[in-house]
Amino acid sequence: MATFVLVHGGGHGGWCYQPVARRLRALGHEVYTPTLTGLGERKHLMSPAVDLDMHITDVVNTLVYEDLADVYLVGHSYGGMVITGVADRVPERIGNLVYLDAAFPGSGQSLQDVAGEMMANTRARSRMVDGVELVLFSDDLPYGYYGVTDPEQIEWMAPKLTPHAFACFAQKLELQDEARVRALPQSFIVCAENMPEEFHEPLRQMCEGRFWVVDTGHDLMITEPERLTEIFHELASL
């Protein structure tokens, strides 16, 4: 059995992995779903200090204080920025970096650099609240943005979404040893609608076949929890 640390994306929290975490634990896996500072049930901690570095530290501390090693570190969406930074700080604790329809940054890149047009559209609807530039307000965001269309799923997630500090998306990721990060085993799980087929084979070769395409929207942990659990279980057996 494996240890999974599931890192959420922008505007979400550890709550979004509930359907997957339950299934993985039933299969005997150990699962952690940390919520990044200022989001989800930790939204009361939002401040001008919240940025990408803080979120990387959130997850590093989870690994250190829970004495975790050889983990499958999963990052969804913006979480790809976070897990890449975590791998740079504590590579000895990582067994596999899993990019879940996620940003795949290089050193010196921000999420703005990786997803420029999307970030520009997101920032156009930003608001200043208590000295923090926030984006991804749930009352101003179509749920199609997350690829969720089922009314029951929308009803479940809507009250849990929280605004996100734009500083997290603007800060550039600085890696001390990018070569060591890239040497770690990596896996990619992508949504068909977000990844053109021309990129499938190069990614599959880069990660030595640990590559899956799921025909669903961006929040696949909500829309396809059974399929995602199957993939994680398969990955742990490779």
Protein backbone atom coordinates (compact mmCIF):
# COMPACT_ATOMS: atom_id res chain seq x y z
CA MET A 1 0.00 0.00 0.00
CA ALA A 2 1.10 3.58 -0.62
CA THR A 3 1.03 6.98 1.05
CA PHE A 4 -0.74 9.71 -0.93
CA VAL A 5 -0.54 13.42 -0.20
CA LEU A 6 -3.19 15.14 -2.30
CA VAL A 7 -2.68 18.88 -2.89
CA HIS A 8 -5.61 20.88 -4.20
CA GLY A 9 -5.72 23.69 -6.74
CA GLY A 10 -6.79 27.32 -6.68
CA GLY A 11 -9.88 28.28 -4.71
CA HIS A 12 -10.32 24.76 -3.33
CA GLY A 13 -9.22 22.97 -0.16
CA GLY A 14 -8.47 19.48 1.03
CA TRP A 15 -12.25 18.93 1.06
CA CYS A 16 -12.32 18.44 -2.73
CA TYR A 17 -10.53 15.09 -2.38
CA GLN A 18 -13.11 13.59 0.02
CA PRO A 19 -14.64 11.18 -2.54
CA VAL A 20 -11.20 9.94 -3.65
CA ALA A 21 -9.65 9.84 -0.17
CA ARG A 22 -12.46 7.61 1.15
CA ARG A 23 -11.98 5.16 -1.69
CA LEU A 24 -8.19 5.07 -1.37
CA ARG A 25 -8.37 4.46 2.39
CA ALA A 26 -10.84 1.64 1.81
CA LEU A 27 -8.19 0.03 -0.39
CA GLY A 28 -5.67 0.30 2.44
CA HIS A 29 -3.71 3.38 1.34
CA GLU A 30 -2.65 6.16 3.70
CA VAL A 31 -4.03 9.53 2.55
CA TYR A 32 -3.38 13.13 3.56
CA THR A 33 -5.31 16.09 2.10
CA PRO A 34 -3.73 19.28 3.46
CA THR A 35 -5.53 22.58 2.92
CA LEU A 36 -3.27 25.46 1.89
CA THR A 37 -3.19 28.59 4.06
CA GLY A 38 -6.01 31.06 3.38
CA LEU A 39 -8.27 28.56 1.65
CA GLY A 40 -11.07 26.18 2.60
CA GLU A 41 -11.39 25.72 6.35
CA ARG A 42 -8.25 27.86 6.71
CA LYS A 43 -9.74 30.86 4.92
CA HIS A 44 -9.59 32.87 8.16
CA LEU A 45 -5.79 32.86 7.79
CA MET A 46 -5.82 34.83 4.53
CA SER A 47 -3.38 37.76 4.68
CA PRO A 48 -0.97 39.71 2.46
CA ALA A 49 1.70 37.16 3.45
CA VAL A 50 -0.02 34.29 1.60
CA ASP A 51 1.93 33.36 -1.52
CA LEU A 52 3.37 30.36 -3.36
CA ASP A 53 6.26 30.01 -0.90
CA MET A 54 3.86 29.78 2.03
CA HIS A 55 1.87 27.06 0.30
CA ILE A 56 5.01 25.10 -0.45
CA THR A 57 5.90 25.36 3.24
CA ASP A 58 2.41 24.13 4.19
CA VAL A 59 3.00 20.87 2.35
CA VAL A 60 6.66 20.49 3.34
CA ASN A 61 5.57 20.74 6.97
CA THR A 62 2.89 18.11 6.44
CA LEU A 63 5.55 15.69 5.17
CA VAL A 64 8.00 16.52 7.95
CA TYR A 65 5.64 16.60 10.93
CA GLU A 66 3.77 13.47 9.83
CA ASP A 67 7.12 11.66 9.26
CA LEU A 68 6.18 10.81 5.68
CA ALA A 69 8.54 9.31 3.13
CA ASP A 70 8.28 7.71 -0.32
CA VAL A 71 5.01 9.59 -0.85
CA TYR A 72 2.94 9.90 -3.98
CA LEU A 73 2.72 13.70 -3.98
CA VAL A 74 -0.25 14.75 -6.11
CA GLY A 75 -0.88 18.31 -7.26
CA HIS A 76 -4.03 19.44 -9.04
CA SER A 77 -4.03 22.57 -11.24
CA TYR A 78 -2.17 25.31 -9.28
CA GLY A 79 -1.08 22.48 -6.98
CA GLY A 80 1.42 21.52 -9.67
CA MET A 81 3.33 24.68 -8.78
CA VAL A 82 3.25 23.70 -5.12
CA ILE A 83 4.38 20.09 -5.44
CA THR A 84 7.27 21.06 -7.71
CA GLY A 85 8.51 23.44 -5.02
CA VAL A 86 8.03 20.80 -2.33
CA ALA A 87 10.08 18.30 -4.33
CA ASP A 88 12.91 20.83 -4.52
CA ARG A 89 12.96 21.31 -0.74
CA VAL A 90 12.52 17.70 0.43
CA PRO A 91 13.25 15.40 -2.53
CA GLU A 92 14.25 12.59 -0.18
CA ARG A 93 10.61 12.28 0.94
CA ILE A 94 9.11 11.96 -2.57
CA GLY A 95 8.48 8.65 -4.28
CA ASN A 96 6.49 10.00 -7.21
CA LEU A 97 5.35 13.44 -8.34
CA VAL A 98 1.86 13.21 -9.80
CA TYR A 99 0.62 16.11 -11.93
CA LEU A 100 -3.18 15.99 -11.92
CA ASP A 101 -4.27 18.19 -14.84
CA ALA A 102 -1.72 20.49 -13.30
CA ALA A 103 0.80 23.20 -14.01
CA PHE A 104 4.25 21.80 -14.81
CA PRO A 105 6.58 24.74 -14.15
CA GLY A 106 10.29 25.20 -14.61
CA SER A 107 12.48 27.23 -12.32
CA GLY A 108 11.78 30.95 -12.67
CA GLN A 109 8.21 30.46 -13.87
CA SER A 110 4.99 31.57 -12.22
CA LEU A 111 1.50 30.28 -12.93
CA GLN A 112 1.05 33.52 -14.89
CA ASP A 113 3.90 32.39 -17.12
CA VAL A 114 2.57 28.84 -17.49
CA ALA A 115 -1.08 29.79 -18.11
CA GLY A 116 -0.90 33.41 -19.21
CA GLU A 117 -4.25 33.89 -20.95
CA MET A 118 -6.22 32.09 -18.24
CA MET A 119 -4.48 34.06 -15.51
CA ALA A 120 -5.11 37.36 -17.32
CA ASN A 121 -8.82 36.56 -17.53
CA THR A 122 -8.84 35.53 -13.89
CA ARG A 123 -7.10 38.69 -12.70
CA ALA A 124 -9.50 40.88 -14.66
CA ARG A 125 -12.12 39.94 -12.04
CA SER A 126 -9.91 40.45 -8.98
CA ARG A 127 -11.02 42.35 -5.87
CA MET A 128 -9.05 43.94 -3.05
CA VAL A 129 -10.16 42.64 0.35
CA ASP A 130 -8.32 43.69 3.53
CA GLY A 131 -5.21 44.55 1.56
CA VAL A 132 -5.12 41.28 -0.41
CA GLU A 133 -5.79 40.99 -4.14
CA LEU A 134 -8.17 38.04 -4.39
CA VAL A 135 -9.45 36.11 -7.39
CA LEU A 136 -11.72 33.11 -8.04
CA PHE A 137 -14.78 34.45 -6.22
CA SER A 138 -17.43 31.74 -6.39
CA ASP A 139 -20.21 34.24 -7.13
CA ASP A 140 -18.34 35.42 -10.23
CA LEU A 141 -17.11 32.10 -11.60
CA PRO A 142 -19.00 29.73 -13.91
CA TYR A 143 -18.59 26.16 -12.68
CA GLY A 144 -17.75 25.15 -16.22
CA TYR A 145 -14.38 26.72 -15.41
CA TYR A 146 -13.77 23.69 -13.21
CA GLY A 147 -15.47 21.29 -15.61
CA VAL A 148 -18.28 20.45 -13.19
CA THR A 149 -21.77 20.32 -14.69
CA ASP A 150 -23.72 17.94 -12.43
CA PRO A 151 -26.15 20.02 -10.29
CA GLU A 152 -25.64 17.85 -7.18
CA GLN A 153 -21.86 18.16 -7.42
CA ILE A 154 -22.13 21.92 -7.91
CA GLU A 155 -24.41 22.19 -4.88
CA TRP A 156 -21.83 20.27 -2.81
CA MET A 157 -18.79 22.28 -3.89
CA ALA A 158 -20.26 25.79 -4.23
CA PRO A 159 -20.29 26.76 -0.53
CA LYS A 160 -16.78 25.36 -0.02
CA LEU A 161 -14.97 27.36 -2.72
CA THR A 162 -12.98 30.33 -1.41
CA PRO A 163 -11.19 33.27 -3.07
CA HIS A 164 -7.47 32.83 -3.72
CA ALA A 165 -4.63 35.33 -3.27
CA PHE A 166 -3.37 36.35 -6.69
CA ALA A 167 0.16 36.65 -5.26
CA CYS A 168 0.29 32.83 -5.36
CA PHE A 169 -0.19 32.90 -9.13
CA ALA A 170 2.20 35.79 -9.73
CA GLN A 171 5.17 34.58 -7.66
CA LYS A 172 7.86 32.80 -9.63
CA LEU A 173 8.99 29.36 -8.51
CA GLU A 174 12.70 29.32 -7.71
CA LEU A 175 14.23 25.84 -7.64
CA GLN A 176 17.62 25.23 -6.04
CA ASP A 177 18.23 21.94 -7.90
CA GLU A 178 15.87 21.57 -10.85
CA ALA A 179 17.82 18.58 -12.21
CA ARG A 180 17.21 16.64 -9.00
CA VAL A 181 13.50 17.46 -9.12
CA ARG A 182 13.24 16.25 -12.72
CA ALA A 183 15.09 13.05 -11.81
CA LEU A 184 12.28 12.04 -9.45
CA PRO A 185 9.66 9.65 -10.89
CA GLN A 186 6.83 11.68 -12.39
CA SER A 187 3.33 10.81 -13.53
CA PHE A 188 0.68 12.75 -15.44
CA ILE A 189 -3.09 12.46 -15.32
CA VAL A 190 -4.81 14.87 -17.67
CA CYS A 191 -8.34 15.74 -18.76
CA ALA A 192 -9.03 15.10 -22.41
CA GLU A 193 -10.61 18.51 -22.97
CA ASN A 194 -7.55 20.34 -21.58
CA MET A 195 -4.74 18.39 -23.25
CA PRO A 196 -4.51 18.22 -27.08
CA GLU A 197 -3.65 14.74 -28.36
CA GLU A 198 -0.41 15.98 -29.92
CA PHE A 199 1.06 16.32 -26.43
CA HIS A 200 0.04 12.87 -25.21
CA GLU A 201 2.88 10.80 -26.65
CA PRO A 202 5.72 13.17 -25.66
CA LEU A 203 4.40 13.24 -22.08
CA ARG A 204 3.95 9.47 -22.05
CA GLN A 205 7.57 9.00 -23.10
CA MET A 206 8.88 11.59 -20.64
CA CYS A 207 7.25 9.87 -17.67
CA GLU A 208 8.00 6.33 -18.87
CA GLY A 209 4.38 5.44 -19.52
CA ARG A 210 2.90 6.73 -16.26
CA PHE A 211 0.35 8.77 -18.20
CA TRP A 212 -3.44 8.67 -18.16
CA VAL A 213 -6.15 10.63 -19.95
CA VAL A 214 -9.59 10.94 -18.35
CA ASP A 215 -12.51 12.12 -20.48
CA THR A 216 -13.95 14.63 -18.02
CA GLY A 217 -13.60 18.21 -16.79
CA HIS A 218 -10.80 19.86 -14.84
CA ASP A 219 -12.01 18.91 -11.33
CA LEU A 220 -11.76 15.20 -12.03
CA MET A 221 -11.49 14.35 -8.32
CA ILE A 222 -15.10 15.54 -8.09
CA THR A 223 -16.46 14.45 -11.46
CA GLU A 224 -14.69 11.07 -11.74
CA PRO A 225 -13.60 9.92 -8.25
CA GLU A 226 -13.91 6.21 -9.02
CA ARG A 227 -11.75 6.42 -12.14
CA LEU A 228 -9.18 8.59 -10.39
CA THR A 229 -9.00 6.15 -7.49
CA GLU A 230 -8.42 3.31 -9.95
CA ILE A 231 -5.55 5.23 -11.53
CA PHE A 232 -3.93 6.04 -8.17
CA HIS A 233 -4.24 2.38 -7.11
CA GLU A 234 -2.71 1.26 -10.39
CA LEU A 235 0.11 3.76 -10.06
CA ALA A 236 0.92 2.47 -6.58
CA SER A 237 1.30 -1.04 -7.96
CA LEU A 238 3.77 -0.15 -10.71
